[in-house]
Amino acid sequence: MQPTDPDKFTTKAWDAIVEAQTVARRFKHQYMEVEHVLIALLEQEEGLGHSILTKAKLDPALLLGELETFAKRQARVRTAADNNLYLGQSLDRMLDQAEANRKELQDKFISIEHLLLGFSADERIGRRLLRGFEVETPNLMAAVKGIRGGQTVTDQIRSPSIRPSKNLAATLLSKPAKAA
């Protein structure tokens, strides 16, 4: 799934997608990947992501540290010749999974919880990292359902947030990702 339509996401989920570009560039990566979105999500202090992870008995700060360590080990762009940022294959699959989770939970928009559930299914880093913390997809789903209390996502703005005007279609290029 190309993350180019903010109308498919809640504002906080879209904020994480947009901020992931900055995270990828901070690590000097040419491909925006799963770890960049999760780092951006976890840098939203006191957000829904923190609440879900805490309810699933996972310290968000520890997960953030592991994600940053993983990101530092990934290939870096050494030259400024190509300043473009490309969508990585793992992120594309994670967003597809987030969309599937949105439909399964009968929500109108992709939200933070869908991104976390998508992360738990990620073969590149998500599943392995969460297993290391003894957290599986059912643990996250139970945490999501516990926090939501049967409610569905019907509104893009679930908490105060400035909607970014940045158009990802203009800055994020679709190009087959090389193995990361």
N, C-alpha and C. Protein backbone atom coordinates (compact mmCIF):
# COMPACT_ATOMS: atom_id res chain seq x y z
N MET A 1 0.84 -1.18 0.00
CA MET A 1 0.00 0.00 0.00
C MET A 1 0.89 1.24 0.00
N GLN A 2 0.64 2.11 -0.90
CA GLN A 2 1.37 3.37 -0.97
C GLN A 2 0.78 4.35 0.07
N PRO A 3 1.58 4.87 0.97
CA PRO A 3 1.06 5.81 1.97
C PRO A 3 0.98 7.23 1.40
N THR A 4 0.10 7.41 0.44
CA THR A 4 0.02 8.71 -0.23
C THR A 4 -1.30 9.43 -0.01
N ASP A 5 -2.23 8.80 0.69
CA ASP A 5 -3.55 9.39 0.89
C ASP A 5 -3.83 9.57 2.38
N PRO A 6 -3.69 10.79 2.88
CA PRO A 6 -3.92 11.02 4.31
C PRO A 6 -5.36 10.75 4.72
N ASP A 7 -6.29 10.72 3.77
CA ASP A 7 -7.69 10.47 4.11
C ASP A 7 -7.96 9.02 4.51
N LYS A 8 -6.96 8.15 4.36
CA LYS A 8 -7.12 6.75 4.75
C LYS A 8 -6.66 6.51 6.20
N PHE A 9 -6.06 7.53 6.83
CA PHE A 9 -5.43 7.39 8.14
C PHE A 9 -6.03 8.35 9.16
N THR A 10 -5.94 7.98 10.44
CA THR A 10 -6.22 8.96 11.48
C THR A 10 -5.08 9.98 11.47
N THR A 11 -5.29 11.12 12.08
CA THR A 11 -4.24 12.15 12.05
C THR A 11 -2.96 11.67 12.73
N LYS A 12 -3.08 10.97 13.84
CA LYS A 12 -1.88 10.50 14.55
C LYS A 12 -1.14 9.45 13.73
N ALA A 13 -1.86 8.55 13.07
CA ALA A 13 -1.21 7.55 12.21
C ALA A 13 -0.53 8.25 11.03
N TRP A 14 -1.21 9.23 10.45
CA TRP A 14 -0.60 9.97 9.33
C TRP A 14 0.61 10.75 9.80
N ASP A 15 0.53 11.34 11.00
CA ASP A 15 1.68 12.05 11.56
C ASP A 15 2.89 11.12 11.64
N ALA A 16 2.67 9.87 12.07
CA ALA A 16 3.77 8.90 12.17
C ALA A 16 4.33 8.57 10.78
N ILE A 17 3.47 8.43 9.79
CA ILE A 17 3.92 8.14 8.42
C ILE A 17 4.76 9.30 7.89
N VAL A 18 4.28 10.52 8.08
CA VAL A 18 5.00 11.70 7.59
C VAL A 18 6.33 11.85 8.33
N GLU A 19 6.31 11.70 9.64
CA GLU A 19 7.52 11.85 10.45
C GLU A 19 8.54 10.76 10.15
N ALA A 20 8.07 9.61 9.68
CA ALA A 20 8.98 8.51 9.34
C ALA A 20 9.98 8.93 8.26
N GLN A 21 9.59 9.85 7.41
CA GLN A 21 10.54 10.37 6.41
C GLN A 21 11.73 11.04 7.08
N THR A 22 11.43 11.85 8.08
CA THR A 22 12.49 12.54 8.83
C THR A 22 13.37 11.52 9.55
N VAL A 23 12.75 10.50 10.12
CA VAL A 23 13.49 9.46 10.82
C VAL A 23 14.42 8.74 9.85
N ALA A 24 13.91 8.37 8.68
CA ALA A 24 14.74 7.68 7.68
C ALA A 24 15.92 8.55 7.28
N ARG A 25 15.68 9.82 7.09
CA ARG A 25 16.78 10.73 6.71
C ARG A 25 17.75 10.93 7.86
N ARG A 26 17.26 10.94 9.08
CA ARG A 26 18.13 11.07 10.26
C ARG A 26 19.13 9.92 10.32
N PHE A 27 18.69 8.72 9.93
CA PHE A 27 19.58 7.57 9.91
C PHE A 27 20.31 7.42 8.57
N LYS A 28 20.10 8.41 7.67
CA LYS A 28 20.74 8.42 6.35
C LYS A 28 20.36 7.18 5.52
N HIS A 29 19.07 6.84 5.57
CA HIS A 29 18.57 5.70 4.81
C HIS A 29 17.87 6.19 3.55
N GLN A 30 17.97 5.41 2.51
CA GLN A 30 17.34 5.76 1.25
C GLN A 30 15.92 5.18 1.15
N TYR A 31 15.65 4.15 1.95
CA TYR A 31 14.34 3.50 1.95
C TYR A 31 13.63 3.75 3.26
N MET A 32 12.39 4.20 3.19
CA MET A 32 11.57 4.35 4.38
C MET A 32 11.00 2.97 4.70
N GLU A 33 11.26 2.50 5.91
CA GLU A 33 10.89 1.15 6.29
C GLU A 33 10.08 1.13 7.58
N VAL A 34 9.73 -0.07 7.97
CA VAL A 34 8.93 -0.34 9.16
C VAL A 34 9.51 0.34 10.39
N GLU A 35 10.82 0.19 10.58
CA GLU A 35 11.44 0.75 11.79
C GLU A 35 11.28 2.26 11.87
N HIS A 36 11.28 2.94 10.73
CA HIS A 36 11.15 4.40 10.73
C HIS A 36 9.75 4.82 11.18
N VAL A 37 8.73 4.10 10.72
CA VAL A 37 7.36 4.41 11.14
C VAL A 37 7.19 4.14 12.63
N LEU A 38 7.72 3.01 13.09
CA LEU A 38 7.57 2.68 14.51
C LEU A 38 8.35 3.64 15.40
N ILE A 39 9.53 4.04 14.97
CA ILE A 39 10.29 5.04 15.74
C ILE A 39 9.49 6.34 15.82
N ALA A 40 8.95 6.78 14.68
CA ALA A 40 8.15 8.01 14.66
C ALA A 40 6.92 7.87 15.57
N LEU A 41 6.29 6.71 15.53
CA LEU A 41 5.12 6.46 16.35
C LEU A 41 5.49 6.50 17.84
N LEU A 42 6.60 5.88 18.18
CA LEU A 42 7.03 5.85 19.58
C LEU A 42 7.57 7.19 20.07
N GLU A 43 7.97 8.04 19.16
CA GLU A 43 8.41 9.38 19.54
C GLU A 43 7.22 10.31 19.81
N GLN A 44 6.01 9.85 19.51
CA GLN A 44 4.78 10.56 19.89
C GLN A 44 4.52 10.23 21.36
N GLU A 45 5.13 10.97 22.24
CA GLU A 45 5.03 10.65 23.67
C GLU A 45 3.59 10.74 24.14
N GLU A 46 3.27 9.84 25.07
CA GLU A 46 1.93 9.78 25.66
C GLU A 46 0.86 9.48 24.62
N GLY A 47 1.23 8.85 23.55
CA GLY A 47 0.26 8.52 22.51
C GLY A 47 -0.38 7.17 22.73
N LEU A 48 -1.30 6.85 21.84
CA LEU A 48 -2.01 5.58 21.90
C LEU A 48 -1.06 4.40 21.77
N GLY A 49 -0.02 4.55 20.97
CA GLY A 49 0.96 3.48 20.82
C GLY A 49 1.58 3.09 22.14
N HIS A 50 1.93 4.09 22.94
CA HIS A 50 2.51 3.83 24.26
C HIS A 50 1.51 3.08 25.14
N SER A 51 0.24 3.51 25.10
CA SER A 51 -0.79 2.87 25.93
C SER A 51 -0.98 1.41 25.54
N ILE A 52 -1.03 1.14 24.25
CA ILE A 52 -1.23 -0.24 23.78
C ILE A 52 -0.05 -1.11 24.19
N LEU A 53 1.16 -0.63 23.94
CA LEU A 53 2.35 -1.42 24.28
C LEU A 53 2.45 -1.66 25.78
N THR A 54 2.15 -0.65 26.56
CA THR A 54 2.19 -0.80 28.01
C THR A 54 1.16 -1.82 28.48
N LYS A 55 -0.04 -1.76 27.90
CA LYS A 55 -1.08 -2.73 28.26
C LYS A 55 -0.68 -4.15 27.85
N ALA A 56 0.13 -4.26 26.77
CA ALA A 56 0.63 -5.57 26.33
C ALA A 56 1.88 -5.98 27.11
N LYS A 57 2.21 -5.20 28.15
CA LYS A 57 3.35 -5.47 29.03
C LYS A 57 4.70 -5.33 28.31
N LEU A 58 4.79 -4.29 27.48
CA LEU A 58 6.02 -3.99 26.76
C LEU A 58 6.36 -2.52 27.00
N ASP A 59 7.56 -2.26 27.48
CA ASP A 59 8.01 -0.90 27.74
C ASP A 59 8.32 -0.21 26.41
N PRO A 60 7.58 0.84 26.04
CA PRO A 60 7.81 1.52 24.77
C PRO A 60 9.24 2.05 24.62
N ALA A 61 9.85 2.47 25.72
CA ALA A 61 11.23 2.99 25.65
C ALA A 61 12.21 1.89 25.26
N LEU A 62 12.00 0.68 25.77
CA LEU A 62 12.87 -0.45 25.41
C LEU A 62 12.71 -0.80 23.94
N LEU A 63 11.46 -0.82 23.46
CA LEU A 63 11.21 -1.11 22.05
C LEU A 63 11.84 -0.04 21.17
N LEU A 64 11.69 1.22 21.55
CA LEU A 64 12.30 2.31 20.79
C LEU A 64 13.81 2.13 20.72
N GLY A 65 14.44 1.80 21.83
CA GLY A 65 15.89 1.58 21.84
C GLY A 65 16.31 0.46 20.90
N GLU A 66 15.58 -0.63 20.89
CA GLU A 66 15.89 -1.75 20.00
C GLU A 66 15.70 -1.37 18.53
N LEU A 67 14.65 -0.61 18.25
CA LEU A 67 14.42 -0.17 16.87
C LEU A 67 15.52 0.77 16.39
N GLU A 68 15.96 1.66 17.26
CA GLU A 68 17.04 2.57 16.89
C GLU A 68 18.34 1.81 16.66
N THR A 69 18.61 0.83 17.48
CA THR A 69 19.81 -0.01 17.29
C THR A 69 19.73 -0.73 15.96
N PHE A 70 18.57 -1.29 15.63
CA PHE A 70 18.38 -1.97 14.36
C PHE A 70 18.58 -0.99 13.19
N ALA A 71 18.00 0.20 13.30
CA ALA A 71 18.11 1.20 12.23
C ALA A 71 19.56 1.61 12.00
N LYS A 72 20.32 1.72 13.07
CA LYS A 72 21.73 2.11 12.94
C LYS A 72 22.56 1.07 12.19
N ARG A 73 22.11 -0.19 12.21
CA ARG A 73 22.84 -1.27 11.54
C ARG A 73 22.49 -1.40 10.06
N GLN A 74 21.50 -0.66 9.59
CA GLN A 74 21.08 -0.77 8.20
C GLN A 74 21.98 0.07 7.30
N ALA A 75 21.97 -0.27 6.02
CA ALA A 75 22.81 0.44 5.03
C ALA A 75 22.47 1.92 5.01
N ARG A 76 23.51 2.73 4.86
CA ARG A 76 23.35 4.19 4.82
C ARG A 76 23.68 4.70 3.44
N VAL A 77 23.09 5.84 3.11
CA VAL A 77 23.40 6.52 1.86
C VAL A 77 24.68 7.32 2.12
N ARG A 78 25.68 7.11 1.30
CA ARG A 78 26.97 7.78 1.51
C ARG A 78 27.11 9.07 0.72
N THR A 79 26.33 9.22 -0.31
CA THR A 79 26.44 10.40 -1.16
C THR A 79 25.11 11.13 -1.21
N ALA A 80 25.16 12.40 -1.45
CA ALA A 80 23.94 13.20 -1.56
C ALA A 80 23.42 13.25 -2.99
N ALA A 81 23.96 12.43 -3.86
CA ALA A 81 23.56 12.44 -5.27
C ALA A 81 22.08 12.11 -5.43
N ASP A 82 21.58 11.15 -4.68
CA ASP A 82 20.18 10.76 -4.76
C ASP A 82 19.53 11.03 -3.41
N ASN A 83 18.87 12.16 -3.30
CA ASN A 83 18.23 12.55 -2.04
C ASN A 83 16.80 12.04 -1.95
N ASN A 84 16.39 11.22 -2.92
CA ASN A 84 15.04 10.68 -2.91
C ASN A 84 14.89 9.62 -1.82
N LEU A 85 13.67 9.48 -1.37
CA LEU A 85 13.33 8.49 -0.36
C LEU A 85 12.33 7.54 -0.99
N TYR A 86 12.60 6.24 -0.89
CA TYR A 86 11.77 5.23 -1.53
C TYR A 86 11.05 4.39 -0.48
N LEU A 87 9.91 3.87 -0.87
CA LEU A 87 9.13 3.01 0.01
C LEU A 87 9.74 1.62 0.03
N GLY A 88 10.11 1.14 1.21
CA GLY A 88 10.68 -0.19 1.35
C GLY A 88 9.61 -1.27 1.26
N GLN A 89 10.02 -2.44 0.84
CA GLN A 89 9.09 -3.55 0.67
C GLN A 89 8.44 -3.97 1.98
N SER A 90 9.20 -3.99 3.06
CA SER A 90 8.63 -4.39 4.35
C SER A 90 7.57 -3.40 4.82
N LEU A 91 7.82 -2.12 4.61
CA LEU A 91 6.83 -1.11 4.99
C LEU A 91 5.58 -1.26 4.13
N ASP A 92 5.76 -1.51 2.86
CA ASP A 92 4.62 -1.72 1.97
C ASP A 92 3.76 -2.87 2.48
N ARG A 93 4.40 -3.98 2.86
CA ARG A 93 3.66 -5.14 3.39
C ARG A 93 3.03 -4.82 4.75
N MET A 94 3.73 -4.06 5.59
CA MET A 94 3.17 -3.70 6.89
C MET A 94 1.92 -2.85 6.72
N LEU A 95 1.95 -1.93 5.77
CA LEU A 95 0.78 -1.08 5.53
C LEU A 95 -0.38 -1.90 4.96
N ASP A 96 -0.07 -2.89 4.13
CA ASP A 96 -1.12 -3.80 3.65
C ASP A 96 -1.74 -4.54 4.83
N GLN A 97 -0.91 -4.99 5.76
CA GLN A 97 -1.41 -5.69 6.95
C GLN A 97 -2.22 -4.75 7.83
N ALA A 98 -1.78 -3.50 7.96
CA ALA A 98 -2.53 -2.51 8.74
C ALA A 98 -3.91 -2.31 8.12
N GLU A 99 -3.96 -2.26 6.80
CA GLU A 99 -5.25 -2.13 6.10
C GLU A 99 -6.13 -3.35 6.37
N ALA A 100 -5.55 -4.55 6.34
CA ALA A 100 -6.31 -5.77 6.64
C ALA A 100 -6.83 -5.74 8.07
N ASN A 101 -6.01 -5.25 9.00
CA ASN A 101 -6.45 -5.14 10.40
C ASN A 101 -7.57 -4.12 10.54
N ARG A 102 -7.49 -3.03 9.78
CA ARG A 102 -8.55 -2.02 9.79
C ARG A 102 -9.87 -2.66 9.40
N LYS A 103 -9.84 -3.45 8.33
CA LYS A 103 -11.06 -4.10 7.86
C LYS A 103 -11.56 -5.13 8.88
N GLU A 104 -10.63 -5.91 9.44
CA GLU A 104 -11.01 -6.93 10.43
C GLU A 104 -11.69 -6.31 11.64
N LEU A 105 -11.19 -5.16 12.07
CA LEU A 105 -11.76 -4.49 13.24
C LEU A 105 -12.93 -3.57 12.86
N GLN A 106 -13.27 -3.56 11.57
CA GLN A 106 -14.40 -2.78 11.05
C GLN A 106 -14.26 -1.29 11.33
N ASP A 107 -13.06 -0.78 11.11
CA ASP A 107 -12.79 0.63 11.31
C ASP A 107 -12.82 1.37 9.98
N LYS A 108 -13.04 2.67 10.06
CA LYS A 108 -13.11 3.50 8.86
C LYS A 108 -11.73 3.97 8.41
N PHE A 109 -10.80 4.14 9.36
CA PHE A 109 -9.47 4.69 9.06
C PHE A 109 -8.38 3.80 9.65
N ILE A 110 -7.22 3.82 9.03
CA ILE A 110 -6.04 3.15 9.58
C ILE A 110 -5.54 4.02 10.73
N SER A 111 -5.36 3.39 11.88
CA SER A 111 -4.95 4.13 13.07
C SER A 111 -3.69 3.52 13.67
N ILE A 112 -3.25 4.10 14.75
CA ILE A 112 -2.03 3.65 15.44
C ILE A 112 -2.09 2.16 15.75
N GLU A 113 -3.23 1.69 16.24
CA GLU A 113 -3.32 0.27 16.60
C GLU A 113 -3.16 -0.63 15.39
N HIS A 114 -3.62 -0.20 14.23
CA HIS A 114 -3.45 -1.00 13.01
C HIS A 114 -1.98 -1.06 12.59
N LEU A 115 -1.28 0.06 12.77
CA LEU A 115 0.15 0.09 12.46
C LEU A 115 0.92 -0.85 13.39
N LEU A 116 0.56 -0.85 14.68
CA LEU A 116 1.23 -1.75 15.63
C LEU A 116 0.94 -3.22 15.31
N LEU A 117 -0.30 -3.51 14.97
CA LEU A 117 -0.64 -4.89 14.60
C LEU A 117 0.07 -5.29 13.31
N GLY A 118 0.19 -4.37 12.38
CA GLY A 118 0.95 -4.64 11.15
C GLY A 118 2.41 -4.90 11.46
N PHE A 119 2.96 -4.14 12.40
CA PHE A 119 4.34 -4.32 12.83
C PHE A 119 4.55 -5.72 13.42
N SER A 120 3.57 -6.20 14.16
CA SER A 120 3.70 -7.52 14.78
C SER A 120 3.75 -8.64 13.75
N ALA A 121 3.28 -8.38 12.55
CA ALA A 121 3.31 -9.38 11.48
C ALA A 121 4.52 -9.22 10.56
N ASP A 122 5.29 -8.18 10.78
CA ASP A 122 6.44 -7.89 9.91
C ASP A 122 7.53 -8.95 10.09
N GLU A 123 7.90 -9.59 8.99
CA GLU A 123 8.92 -10.66 9.03
C GLU A 123 10.34 -10.13 9.16
N ARG A 124 10.57 -8.91 8.75
CA ARG A 124 11.93 -8.36 8.72
C ARG A 124 12.44 -8.02 10.12
N ILE A 125 11.62 -7.35 10.92
CA ILE A 125 12.07 -6.95 12.26
C ILE A 125 10.96 -7.07 13.31
N GLY A 126 9.73 -6.75 12.97
CA GLY A 126 8.64 -6.66 13.94
C GLY A 126 8.39 -7.92 14.74
N ARG A 127 8.10 -9.00 14.05
CA ARG A 127 7.76 -10.25 14.74
C ARG A 127 8.91 -10.72 15.63
N ARG A 128 10.12 -10.70 15.09
CA ARG A 128 11.29 -11.17 15.84
C ARG A 128 11.55 -10.30 17.08
N LEU A 129 11.45 -9.00 16.90
CA LEU A 129 11.70 -8.09 18.02
C LEU A 129 10.65 -8.26 19.11
N LEU A 130 9.39 -8.33 18.72
CA LEU A 130 8.33 -8.49 19.71
C LEU A 130 8.44 -9.83 20.44
N ARG A 131 8.80 -10.88 19.71
CA ARG A 131 8.98 -12.19 20.36
C ARG A 131 10.09 -12.11 21.41
N GLY A 132 11.11 -11.34 21.14
CA GLY A 132 12.18 -11.15 22.11
C GLY A 132 11.67 -10.53 23.41
N PHE A 133 10.60 -9.76 23.31
CA PHE A 133 9.97 -9.18 24.49
C PHE A 133 8.79 -10.02 24.97
N GLU A 134 8.64 -11.22 24.38
CA GLU A 134 7.57 -12.15 24.72
C GLU A 134 6.18 -11.55 24.48
N VAL A 135 6.07 -10.82 23.37
CA VAL A 135 4.80 -10.24 22.95
C VAL A 135 4.49 -10.76 21.56
N GLU A 136 3.29 -11.29 21.39
CA GLU A 136 2.84 -11.82 20.10
C GLU A 136 1.64 -11.00 19.63
N THR A 137 1.23 -11.21 18.40
CA THR A 137 0.08 -10.49 17.84
C THR A 137 -1.16 -10.62 18.73
N PRO A 138 -1.50 -11.81 19.24
CA PRO A 138 -2.69 -11.90 20.11
C PRO A 138 -2.58 -11.01 21.37
N ASN A 139 -1.37 -10.84 21.91
CA ASN A 139 -1.18 -9.95 23.06
C ASN A 139 -1.52 -8.50 22.68
N LEU A 140 -1.03 -8.09 21.50
CA LEU A 140 -1.31 -6.72 21.04
C LEU A 140 -2.80 -6.54 20.75
N MET A 141 -3.41 -7.55 20.11
CA MET A 141 -4.84 -7.45 19.79
C MET A 141 -5.66 -7.35 21.07
N ALA A 142 -5.29 -8.13 22.08
CA ALA A 142 -6.00 -8.06 23.37
C ALA A 142 -5.83 -6.68 24.00
N ALA A 143 -4.63 -6.11 23.91
CA ALA A 143 -4.39 -4.77 24.44
C ALA A 143 -5.22 -3.73 23.69
N VAL A 144 -5.26 -3.86 22.37
CA VAL A 144 -6.06 -2.94 21.55
C VAL A 144 -7.52 -3.02 21.95
N LYS A 145 -8.05 -4.23 22.01
CA LYS A 145 -9.46 -4.40 22.36
C LYS A 145 -9.75 -3.93 23.78
N GLY A 146 -8.80 -4.14 24.69
CA GLY A 146 -8.98 -3.68 26.06
C GLY A 146 -9.05 -2.17 26.16
N ILE A 147 -8.23 -1.50 25.40
CA ILE A 147 -8.22 -0.03 25.42
C ILE A 147 -9.43 0.53 24.70
N ARG A 148 -9.80 -0.09 23.58
CA ARG A 148 -10.91 0.42 22.78
C ARG A 148 -12.27 0.15 23.41
N GLY A 149 -12.37 -0.93 24.15
CA GLY A 149 -13.64 -1.24 24.79
C GLY A 149 -14.79 -1.43 23.81
N GLY A 150 -14.53 -2.03 22.67
CA GLY A 150 -15.58 -2.30 21.70
C GLY A 150 -15.85 -1.17 20.72
N GLN A 151 -15.20 -0.05 20.89
CA GLN A 151 -15.42 1.07 19.97
C GLN A 151 -14.65 0.82 18.67
N THR A 152 -15.09 1.47 17.61
CA THR A 152 -14.41 1.41 16.32
C THR A 152 -13.88 2.79 15.97
N VAL A 153 -12.96 2.83 15.02
CA VAL A 153 -12.38 4.09 14.57
C VAL A 153 -13.28 4.63 13.46
N THR A 154 -14.02 5.69 13.79
CA THR A 154 -14.94 6.29 12.83
C THR A 154 -14.58 7.74 12.52
N ASP A 155 -13.55 8.25 13.19
CA ASP A 155 -13.17 9.65 13.06
C ASP A 155 -11.66 9.74 12.85
N GLN A 156 -11.25 10.61 11.94
CA GLN A 156 -9.81 10.76 11.70
C GLN A 156 -9.11 11.44 12.87
N ILE A 157 -9.79 12.28 13.58
CA ILE A 157 -9.17 13.03 14.68
C ILE A 157 -9.68 12.48 15.99
N ARG A 158 -8.88 11.58 16.57
CA ARG A 158 -9.26 10.97 17.84
C ARG A 158 -8.62 11.71 19.01
N SER A 159 -7.66 12.54 18.72
CA SER A 159 -7.04 13.38 19.75
C SER A 159 -6.51 14.61 19.03
N PRO A 160 -6.31 15.72 19.76
CA PRO A 160 -5.86 16.93 19.10
C PRO A 160 -4.55 16.72 18.33
N SER A 161 -4.55 17.14 17.10
CA SER A 161 -3.37 17.01 16.26
C SER A 161 -3.50 17.96 15.09
N ILE A 162 -2.41 18.55 14.69
CA ILE A 162 -2.40 19.38 13.50
C ILE A 162 -2.20 18.47 12.32
N ARG A 163 -3.11 18.51 11.40
CA ARG A 163 -3.03 17.64 10.23
C ARG A 163 -1.93 18.15 9.30
N PRO A 164 -0.95 17.31 9.01
CA PRO A 164 0.13 17.75 8.14
C PRO A 164 -0.36 17.99 6.72
N SER A 165 0.13 19.04 6.11
CA SER A 165 -0.26 19.34 4.74
C SER A 165 0.69 18.72 3.74
N LYS A 166 1.74 18.11 4.25
CA LYS A 166 2.76 17.51 3.38
C LYS A 166 2.17 16.37 2.56
N ASN A 167 2.37 16.42 1.27
CA ASN A 167 1.87 15.38 0.38
C ASN A 167 2.97 14.36 0.15
N LEU A 168 2.77 13.17 0.71
CA LEU A 168 3.79 12.13 0.58
C LEU A 168 3.98 11.69 -0.86
N ALA A 169 2.95 11.81 -1.66
CA ALA A 169 3.08 11.39 -3.06
C ALA A 169 4.17 12.20 -3.75
N ALA A 170 4.36 13.42 -3.32
CA ALA A 170 5.38 14.27 -3.94
C ALA A 170 6.78 13.97 -3.44
N THR A 171 6.89 13.38 -2.25
CA THR A 171 8.21 13.18 -1.68
C THR A 171 8.63 11.74 -1.57
N LEU A 172 7.68 10.83 -1.59
CA LEU A 172 7.99 9.41 -1.44
C LEU A 172 7.77 8.73 -2.77
N LEU A 173 8.83 8.26 -3.37
CA LEU A 173 8.77 7.67 -4.69
C LEU A 173 8.54 6.18 -4.61
N SER A 174 7.77 5.67 -5.52
CA SER A 174 7.53 4.23 -5.57
C SER A 174 8.58 3.60 -6.46
N LYS A 175 9.39 2.78 -5.86
CA LYS A 175 10.46 2.09 -6.59
C LYS A 175 10.65 0.75 -5.91
N PRO A 176 10.79 -0.32 -6.67
CA PRO A 176 11.01 -1.60 -6.01
C PRO A 176 12.20 -1.51 -5.06
N ALA A 177 11.97 -1.90 -3.83
CA ALA A 177 13.01 -1.82 -2.81
C ALA A 177 14.01 -2.95 -3.00
N LYS A 178 15.26 -2.61 -2.77
CA LYS A 178 16.30 -3.63 -2.72
C LYS A 178 16.24 -4.30 -1.38
N ALA A 179 16.74 -5.48 -1.29
CA ALA A 179 16.75 -6.19 -0.02
C ALA A 179 17.45 -5.35 1.03
N ALA A 180 16.77 -5.17 2.16
CA ALA A 180 17.35 -4.35 3.22
C ALA A 180 18.02 -5.22 4.24
